[in-house]
Amino acid sequence: MKKKILFIINPISGVGRHKTVEKLIGEKLNRNIFDYELAYTKAAKHAIELSKKGTEENFDIVVAVGGDGSVNEVGRSLVNEVGRSLVNVGRDLKSRPALAILPCGSGNGTARHMKIPMNLKKAMEVINRQKISVIDTFNVNEEIAINTAGIGFAAHIAHEFSKFKKRGFKNYLKIAVRDSMKYKSQKCEVEMNGEKKEMDAFIIDVCNGTQWGNNAVIAPHAKNDDEILDLCLVKDFPYINFPFLATRLFTHSIHHSKFVEFKKITEAIIHQERNYAHIDGEPVIIGKELKVKINPLSLKVIVP
């Protein structure tokens, strides 16, 4: 019996690579193995509904065709929030579809962390091979995150980026440069591992994966299957250091900065002065208290 695969396509994601997806599926998907269906998102959060339907209709694989926001929306309906050790993955997770990714976004941080090729033909070959891994996810209040989530400057950029009609790395970089001088750090308190830490925070990011996207690596040592989250704390710093910190993101050396500290956590409570955050690069209004908790080994994914 053939396996069922559902492709959920975000038609406005990234820079238009989705236009080649239908043709690619027809030419490169192994039809000896799969029967497939296509579904297109029509609005924000629609992919959550489509993915949930894929679970209810017993699809074996659900594919997010888009960027990190699409991966989050598709993936969150596939997550087993109970979580358990890899040697005893529960029946609930076994019965759920696996998440696959055809990266068509602006940054593709989740796909890049998992070494999924940016070339769509090669990414389709990964799907055809059906190699499944089980990874962690985590909650931030009521939101589910797969790769990264946080507050501060990265969240500010996510909110400003969402206002642009045209996506792409150039606009993301434009915002970062434009707002780097005027953005003000905020006073935060972090409760973690039995301690409280107060700081003027430029960025606080919870990292299950290594990067935000476009190879901007915020947590070089993060692993998404070790049942641990990397908490990145970037304290306020003189503006003259901004270019050097930005360069460290792309040289995978942010952990060497004296302004950056990492903590290993499974849960934490973060108090901030503002009320917004980013979840897998997408802006959210989340409130002044963020309760973070890992969902260990809670999502099946197709990997190279």
Protein backbone atom coordinates (compact mmCIF):
# COMPACT_ATOMS: atom_id res chain seq x y z
CA MET A 1 0.00 0.00 0.00
CA LYS A 2 1.30 3.43 -0.92
CA LYS A 3 1.96 6.04 1.74
CA LYS A 4 -0.05 9.25 1.85
CA ILE A 5 1.75 12.57 1.68
CA LEU A 6 0.22 16.03 1.99
CA PHE A 7 2.02 19.12 0.68
CA ILE A 8 0.91 22.34 2.39
CA ILE A 9 2.04 25.24 0.23
CA ASN A 10 2.35 28.85 1.32
CA PRO A 11 1.92 30.75 -1.97
CA ILE A 12 3.37 34.02 -0.63
CA SER A 13 6.37 32.58 1.21
CA GLY A 14 9.90 33.70 0.50
CA VAL A 15 10.77 34.93 -2.97
CA GLY A 16 8.45 32.85 -5.12
CA ARG A 17 10.15 29.45 -5.22
CA HIS A 18 6.78 27.84 -4.56
CA LYS A 19 5.89 28.43 -8.21
CA THR A 20 8.01 25.46 -9.25
CA VAL A 21 6.72 23.11 -6.55
CA GLU A 22 3.76 21.55 -8.38
CA LYS A 23 5.93 20.69 -11.36
CA LEU A 24 8.67 19.43 -9.06
CA ILE A 25 6.28 17.14 -7.22
CA GLY A 26 4.99 15.69 -10.46
CA GLU A 27 8.50 15.04 -11.74
CA LYS A 28 10.51 14.12 -8.63
CA LEU A 29 8.19 12.57 -6.04
CA ASN A 30 8.46 8.77 -6.09
CA ARG A 31 4.96 7.81 -7.21
CA ASN A 32 5.71 4.12 -6.62
CA ILE A 33 5.83 4.95 -2.90
CA PHE A 34 3.45 7.88 -2.46
CA ASP A 35 -0.02 9.08 -3.24
CA TYR A 36 -0.11 12.82 -2.70
CA GLU A 37 -2.43 15.77 -2.22
CA LEU A 38 -1.79 19.52 -2.40
CA ALA A 39 -3.28 22.16 -0.12
CA TYR A 40 -2.69 25.93 -0.28
CA THR A 41 -2.80 28.29 2.67
CA LYS A 42 -5.15 31.24 2.32
CA ALA A 43 -4.32 33.21 5.46
CA ALA A 44 -2.11 33.27 8.52
CA LYS A 45 -2.60 30.19 10.74
CA HIS A 46 -4.44 28.32 7.95
CA ALA A 47 -1.57 25.82 7.74
CA ILE A 48 -2.33 24.75 11.33
CA GLU A 49 -5.84 23.76 10.29
CA LEU A 50 -4.63 21.99 7.14
CA SER A 51 -1.96 20.08 9.05
CA LYS A 52 -4.45 19.02 11.71
CA LYS A 53 -6.65 17.67 8.93
CA GLY A 54 -3.64 15.74 7.64
CA THR A 55 -3.30 14.13 11.06
CA GLU A 56 -6.98 13.30 11.28
CA GLU A 57 -6.95 11.75 7.79
CA ASN A 58 -3.94 9.54 8.61
CA PHE A 59 -1.37 10.98 6.24
CA ASP A 60 2.08 9.50 6.75
CA ILE A 61 3.98 12.69 5.93
CA VAL A 62 2.92 16.35 5.92
CA VAL A 63 5.23 18.69 4.01
CA ALA A 64 5.67 22.37 4.84
CA VAL A 65 6.39 24.21 1.60
CA GLY A 66 7.53 27.63 2.78
CA GLY A 67 9.72 29.28 5.39
CA ASP A 68 10.12 28.97 9.15
CA GLY A 69 6.66 30.37 9.83
CA SER A 70 5.11 27.73 7.58
CA VAL A 71 7.22 25.00 9.18
CA ASN A 72 5.99 26.12 12.60
CA GLU A 73 2.31 26.18 11.60
CA VAL A 74 2.48 22.79 9.88
CA GLY A 75 4.64 21.22 12.57
CA ARG A 76 2.69 22.32 15.62
CA SER A 77 -0.30 20.14 14.68
CA LEU A 78 2.04 17.13 14.47
CA VAL A 79 3.62 17.63 17.90
CA ASN A 80 3.01 15.22 20.74
CA GLU A 81 3.22 17.67 23.64
CA VAL A 82 3.48 14.89 26.21
CA GLY A 83 6.96 13.90 25.03
CA ARG A 84 8.95 10.95 26.32
CA SER A 85 12.31 9.27 25.93
CA LEU A 86 13.34 8.11 22.47
CA VAL A 87 13.44 4.44 23.50
CA ASN A 88 9.83 4.64 24.60
CA VAL A 89 8.14 6.93 22.08
CA GLY A 90 4.43 6.68 22.83
CA ARG A 91 1.70 5.37 20.58
CA ASP A 92 0.39 8.89 20.07
CA LEU A 93 3.62 10.10 18.44
CA LYS A 94 4.03 6.92 16.39
CA SER A 95 0.58 7.41 14.90
CA ARG A 96 1.20 11.02 13.92
CA PRO A 97 2.53 12.07 10.51
CA ALA A 98 6.16 13.06 10.10
CA LEU A 99 7.02 16.63 9.18
CA ALA A 100 8.98 17.22 5.97
CA ILE A 101 10.24 20.54 4.58
CA LEU A 102 10.61 22.00 1.12
CA PRO A 103 12.37 25.27 2.03
CA CYS A 104 10.93 28.27 0.19
CA GLY A 105 11.29 30.97 2.83
CA SER A 106 13.44 34.01 3.41
CA GLY A 107 15.68 32.45 6.06
CA ASN A 108 14.86 28.73 6.35
CA GLY A 109 16.54 28.43 9.74
CA THR A 110 14.84 25.16 10.73
CA ALA A 111 15.68 23.49 7.43
CA ARG A 112 19.26 24.73 7.47
CA HIS A 113 19.80 23.46 11.02
CA MET A 114 18.61 19.99 9.97
CA LYS A 115 20.86 20.05 6.87
CA ILE A 116 17.91 19.93 4.48
CA PRO A 117 19.14 21.15 1.08
CA MET A 118 18.03 24.56 -0.13
CA ASN A 119 17.89 23.06 -3.62
CA LEU A 120 14.28 21.88 -3.97
CA LYS A 121 15.12 18.87 -6.14
CA LYS A 122 17.60 17.65 -3.54
CA ALA A 123 15.11 18.38 -0.76
CA MET A 124 12.57 16.22 -2.60
CA GLU A 125 15.12 13.39 -2.73
CA VAL A 126 15.33 13.63 1.08
CA ILE A 127 11.56 13.15 1.26
CA ASN A 128 11.69 10.15 -1.08
CA ARG A 129 14.22 8.45 1.20
CA GLN A 130 11.87 8.82 4.21
CA LYS A 131 14.55 8.85 6.89
CA ILE A 132 12.80 9.79 10.14
CA SER A 133 14.34 11.42 13.20
CA VAL A 134 12.56 12.49 16.40
CA ILE A 135 13.30 15.97 17.72
CA ASP A 136 12.39 18.18 20.66
CA THR A 137 9.99 21.10 20.50
CA PHE A 138 9.12 23.62 23.21
CA ASN A 139 6.32 25.80 24.48
CA VAL A 140 6.38 29.53 25.11
CA ASN A 141 3.16 30.13 27.04
CA GLU A 142 0.50 28.71 24.69
CA GLU A 143 2.70 28.86 21.59
CA ILE A 144 4.66 25.91 20.20
CA ALA A 145 8.16 26.56 18.86
CA ILE A 146 10.26 24.20 16.77
CA ASN A 147 13.52 26.06 16.22
CA THR A 148 13.94 29.36 18.10
CA ALA A 149 11.87 31.89 20.03
CA GLY A 150 12.72 35.00 21.93
CA ILE A 151 12.46 38.63 22.85
CA GLY A 152 14.48 41.76 22.24
CA PHE A 153 16.06 42.97 19.04
CA ALA A 154 15.39 39.77 17.05
CA ALA A 155 11.71 39.98 17.99
CA HIS A 156 11.66 43.66 17.06
CA ILE A 157 13.04 42.84 13.61
CA ALA A 158 10.45 40.09 13.15
CA HIS A 159 7.65 42.56 13.86
CA GLU A 160 9.08 45.19 11.51
CA PHE A 161 9.79 42.60 8.80
CA SER A 162 6.16 41.48 8.88
CA LYS A 163 5.14 44.96 7.66
CA PHE A 164 7.05 44.55 4.39
CA LYS A 165 5.03 43.29 1.43
CA LYS A 166 8.16 41.87 -0.17
CA ARG A 167 10.11 39.32 1.84
CA GLY A 168 13.76 38.33 1.40
CA PHE A 169 17.06 38.66 3.26
CA LYS A 170 17.79 42.15 1.88
CA ASN A 171 14.77 43.65 3.62
CA TYR A 172 15.59 41.77 6.82
CA LEU A 173 19.12 43.20 6.74
CA LYS A 174 17.78 46.64 5.91
CA ILE A 175 15.67 46.67 9.07
CA ALA A 176 18.53 45.40 11.24
CA VAL A 177 20.85 48.16 10.04
CA ARG A 178 18.15 50.86 10.15
CA ASP A 179 17.07 50.11 13.73
CA SER A 180 20.36 49.03 15.30
CA MET A 181 21.20 52.50 16.63
CA LYS A 182 17.77 53.47 17.94
CA TYR A 183 16.71 50.14 19.51
CA LYS A 184 16.88 50.21 23.32
CA SER A 185 17.55 47.18 25.50
CA GLN A 186 15.00 46.35 28.19
CA LYS A 187 15.25 45.27 31.80
CA CYS A 188 14.48 41.55 32.13
CA GLU A 189 14.46 38.89 34.82
CA VAL A 190 15.05 35.24 34.00
CA GLU A 191 14.18 32.39 36.36
CA MET A 192 16.06 29.22 35.43
CA ASN A 193 17.77 26.26 37.04
CA GLY A 194 16.84 27.47 40.52
CA GLU A 195 18.31 30.95 40.09
CA LYS A 196 17.14 34.41 39.11
CA LYS A 197 19.11 36.66 36.81
CA GLU A 198 18.37 40.34 36.20
CA MET A 199 19.84 42.06 33.16
CA ASP A 200 19.50 44.80 30.60
CA ALA A 201 18.78 42.48 27.68
CA PHE A 202 19.40 43.27 24.03
CA ILE A 203 18.31 39.75 23.05
CA ILE A 204 17.06 36.71 24.95
CA ASP A 205 16.53 33.74 22.68
CA VAL A 206 15.49 30.17 23.45
CA CYS A 207 17.20 27.89 20.97
CA ASN A 208 16.34 24.34 20.00
CA GLY A 209 18.26 24.77 16.74
CA THR A 210 21.43 26.65 15.95
CA GLN A 211 20.27 29.50 13.75
CA TRP A 212 17.62 32.07 12.91
CA GLY A 213 18.10 31.57 9.18
CA ASN A 214 20.39 32.62 6.34
CA ASN A 215 23.20 30.97 8.35
CA ALA A 216 22.95 33.55 11.15
CA VAL A 217 23.98 31.20 13.98
CA ILE A 218 22.74 32.35 17.39
CA ALA A 219 23.40 29.09 19.31
CA PRO A 220 26.35 27.20 17.78
CA HIS A 221 26.11 24.23 20.15
CA ALA A 222 22.33 23.70 20.15
CA LYS A 223 20.96 20.27 19.29
CA ASN A 224 17.28 19.63 18.67
CA ASP A 225 17.25 16.04 19.92
CA ASP A 226 19.15 16.24 23.23
CA GLU A 227 16.14 17.11 25.42
CA ILE A 228 17.85 20.40 26.36
CA LEU A 229 17.31 23.99 25.23
CA ASP A 230 20.08 26.57 24.82
CA LEU A 231 19.16 29.93 26.36
CA CYS A 232 21.11 32.77 24.75
CA LEU A 233 21.41 35.95 26.83
CA VAL A 234 22.81 39.02 25.07
CA LYS A 235 23.26 41.90 27.47
CA ASP A 236 23.27 45.57 26.54
CA PHE A 237 26.47 46.68 24.83
CA PRO A 238 28.00 49.85 23.33
CA TYR A 239 26.75 50.42 19.79
CA ILE A 240 30.30 50.38 18.44
CA ASN A 241 30.28 46.63 19.08
CA PHE A 242 27.16 45.95 16.97
CA PRO A 243 29.01 45.19 13.69
CA PHE A 244 31.36 42.81 15.49
CA LEU A 245 28.48 40.93 17.15
CA ALA A 246 26.61 40.74 13.84
CA THR A 247 29.74 39.32 12.17
CA ARG A 248 30.01 36.69 14.90
CA LEU A 249 26.57 35.37 13.92
CA PHE A 250 27.88 34.47 10.47
CA THR A 251 31.22 33.12 11.70
CA HIS A 252 29.51 30.82 14.24
CA SER A 253 31.39 32.51 17.09
CA ILE A 254 28.73 34.47 18.99
CA HIS A 255 29.49 32.38 22.09
CA HIS A 256 32.95 33.93 22.28
CA SER A 257 31.60 37.45 22.86
CA LYS A 258 31.89 38.87 26.37
CA PHE A 259 28.39 40.26 25.97
CA VAL A 260 26.82 36.83 25.43
CA GLU A 261 26.05 34.08 27.93
CA PHE A 262 24.49 30.65 27.40
CA LYS A 263 22.53 28.51 29.81
CA LYS A 264 21.28 24.94 29.36
CA ILE A 265 17.63 24.69 30.42
CA THR A 266 14.53 22.54 30.20
CA GLU A 267 12.25 25.30 31.43
CA ALA A 268 12.43 28.95 32.39
CA ILE A 269 10.33 32.02 33.12
CA ILE A 270 11.29 35.26 31.41
CA HIS A 271 9.92 38.64 32.54
CA GLN A 272 10.18 41.56 30.13
CA GLU A 273 9.05 45.20 29.97
CA ARG A 274 7.56 44.85 26.49
CA ASN A 275 4.85 42.46 25.36
CA TYR A 276 6.07 41.00 22.06
CA ALA A 277 8.28 38.14 20.95
CA HIS A 278 9.11 36.02 17.95
CA ILE A 279 8.23 32.35 17.56
CA ASP A 280 10.31 30.70 14.83
CA GLY A 281 10.88 34.13 13.33
CA GLU A 282 7.23 35.14 13.26
CA PRO A 283 6.00 38.07 15.40
CA VAL A 284 3.61 37.42 18.28
CA ILE A 285 2.11 39.53 21.06
CA ILE A 286 2.76 37.32 24.04
CA GLY A 287 2.76 39.43 27.20
CA LYS A 288 5.34 40.41 29.79
CA GLU A 289 5.85 36.91 31.19
CA LEU A 290 7.06 34.02 29.03
CA LYS A 291 6.91 30.52 30.45
CA VAL A 292 9.24 28.23 28.53
CA LYS A 293 9.13 24.43 28.74
CA ILE A 294 10.63 21.75 26.54
CA ASN A 295 8.59 18.99 24.91
CA PRO A 296 11.27 16.30 24.66
CA LEU A 297 11.35 14.15 21.52
CA SER A 298 7.89 15.21 20.47
CA LEU A 299 8.01 15.62 16.67
CA LYS A 300 8.93 13.24 13.86
CA VAL A 301 10.81 14.87 10.99
CA ILE A 302 12.17 13.71 7.63
CA VAL A 303 15.93 14.39 7.53
CA PRO A 304 18.85 13.69 5.14
